[in-house]
Amino acid sequence: MTVIGDIARLVRSKNAGPFSLTFDVMFDSPESYRRVLASRVLTKAVFAQLYGVDVKDVQFFECTDALAIKISIPRPYPQGSREDGDSYGGQQHAPLVEIELPD
């Protein structure tokens, strides 16, 4: 079993302002990048389901020249609010690392 975390060079999340989070999945090789895209395990719909947001609120970018996938979503709570448990947004990427790829 291969997961995204096994073949990605970097999987991270971070703030994209006080009301948005952004996620980056970056690869070392075009083959790994294309494998993830072709597998369809990481799409707007999959991301929306994984993070409990409406698919219309998911911004999904394939950055072929950078061998990267970038996704942005609204934060569940505004940054710094009492309910916000991750002010910098740096802990939100964990579910992406464990997404399984078909063989």
Protein backbone atom coordinates (compact mmCIF):
# COMPACT_ATOMS: atom_id res chain seq x y z
CA MET A 1 0.00 0.00 0.00
CA THR A 2 1.34 3.39 -1.02
CA VAL A 3 0.01 6.60 0.50
CA ILE A 4 0.49 10.19 -0.66
CA GLY A 5 2.92 10.78 2.20
CA ASP A 6 5.18 8.07 0.78
CA ILE A 7 5.66 9.69 -2.63
CA ALA A 8 5.18 13.40 -1.97
CA ARG A 9 8.23 15.52 -1.18
CA LEU A 10 6.13 17.84 0.96
CA VAL A 11 2.57 17.84 2.30
CA ARG A 12 1.69 20.93 4.31
CA SER A 13 -1.10 23.22 5.40
CA LYS A 14 -0.95 26.85 6.41
CA ASN A 15 -2.95 30.02 6.74
CA ALA A 16 -4.14 31.82 3.66
CA GLY A 17 -5.49 34.73 5.68
CA PRO A 18 -7.70 34.70 8.78
CA PHE A 19 -10.57 32.96 7.00
CA SER A 20 -8.84 30.45 4.70
CA LEU A 21 -6.50 27.48 4.84
CA THR A 22 -4.27 26.35 2.00
CA PHE A 23 -2.75 22.92 1.43
CA ASP A 24 0.26 22.06 -0.72
CA VAL A 25 1.21 18.62 -2.00
CA MET A 26 4.57 18.76 -3.82
CA PHE A 27 6.47 16.05 -5.66
CA ASP A 28 10.07 15.41 -6.74
CA SER A 29 9.18 13.65 -9.98
CA PRO A 30 6.67 14.17 -12.78
CA GLU A 31 5.79 10.47 -12.49
CA SER A 32 4.69 10.78 -8.85
CA TYR A 33 2.74 13.98 -9.59
CA ARG A 34 0.96 12.38 -12.56
CA ARG A 35 0.28 9.20 -10.58
CA VAL A 36 -1.64 11.09 -7.91
CA LEU A 37 -3.58 13.16 -10.46
CA ALA A 38 -4.43 10.11 -12.59
CA SER A 39 -5.56 8.11 -9.56
CA ARG A 40 -8.26 10.71 -8.74
CA VAL A 41 -7.74 10.11 -5.01
CA LEU A 42 -7.26 13.86 -4.55
CA THR A 43 -9.98 15.94 -6.21
CA LYS A 44 -12.23 18.81 -5.18
CA ALA A 45 -14.96 16.33 -4.24
CA VAL A 46 -12.63 14.08 -2.23
CA PHE A 47 -11.15 17.09 -0.45
CA ALA A 48 -14.61 18.50 0.35
CA GLN A 49 -15.67 15.20 1.90
CA LEU A 50 -12.39 14.77 3.80
CA TYR A 51 -12.57 18.24 5.35
CA GLY A 52 -16.35 18.57 5.67
CA VAL A 53 -16.76 21.57 3.40
CA ASP A 54 -19.02 22.24 0.43
CA VAL A 55 -17.35 21.28 -2.86
CA LYS A 56 -18.12 24.76 -4.23
CA ASP A 57 -15.87 26.21 -1.51
CA VAL A 58 -12.84 24.13 -2.54
CA GLN A 59 -10.28 25.84 -4.77
CA PHE A 60 -8.14 23.20 -6.46
CA PHE A 61 -5.07 24.00 -8.56
CA GLU A 62 -2.85 21.64 -10.54
CA CYS A 63 0.55 23.33 -10.84
CA THR A 64 2.29 21.13 -13.40
CA ASP A 65 5.42 23.26 -13.76
CA ALA A 66 5.97 23.09 -9.99
CA LEU A 67 4.89 19.42 -9.69
CA ALA A 68 2.41 20.54 -7.05
CA ILE A 69 -1.25 20.45 -6.13
CA LYS A 70 -2.60 23.40 -4.16
CA ILE A 71 -5.99 23.40 -2.44
CA SER A 72 -7.65 26.19 -0.46
CA ILE A 73 -10.75 26.03 1.74
CA PRO A 74 -12.50 28.27 4.24
CA ARG A 75 -11.22 27.87 7.81
CA PRO A 76 -13.74 26.12 10.08
CA TYR A 77 -13.31 29.03 12.54
CA PRO A 78 -11.68 32.42 12.03
CA GLN A 79 -8.00 32.50 12.95
CA GLY A 80 -7.48 33.38 16.58
CA SER A 81 -11.09 32.83 17.60
CA ARG A 82 -11.84 30.92 20.78
CA GLU A 83 -12.83 27.83 18.77
CA ASP A 84 -9.68 27.89 16.62
CA GLY A 85 -7.40 25.08 17.74
CA ASP A 86 -4.69 25.68 15.10
CA SER A 87 -4.00 29.38 14.71
CA TYR A 88 -1.30 28.90 12.07
CA GLY A 89 -3.16 26.19 10.15
CA GLY A 90 -0.05 24.02 10.17
CA GLN A 91 -1.67 20.87 11.59
CA GLN A 92 -4.50 20.43 9.10
CA HIS A 93 -2.62 18.46 6.43
CA ALA A 94 -2.45 15.15 8.34
CA PRO A 95 -5.42 13.45 6.60
CA LEU A 96 -3.82 14.05 3.18
CA VAL A 97 -0.67 12.14 4.11
CA GLU A 98 -2.63 8.91 4.65
CA ILE A 99 -4.67 8.89 1.41
CA GLU A 100 -4.06 5.52 -0.24
CA LEU A 101 -3.10 5.26 -3.90
CA PRO A 102 -4.19 2.35 -6.07
CA ASP A 103 -1.40 0.05 -7.25
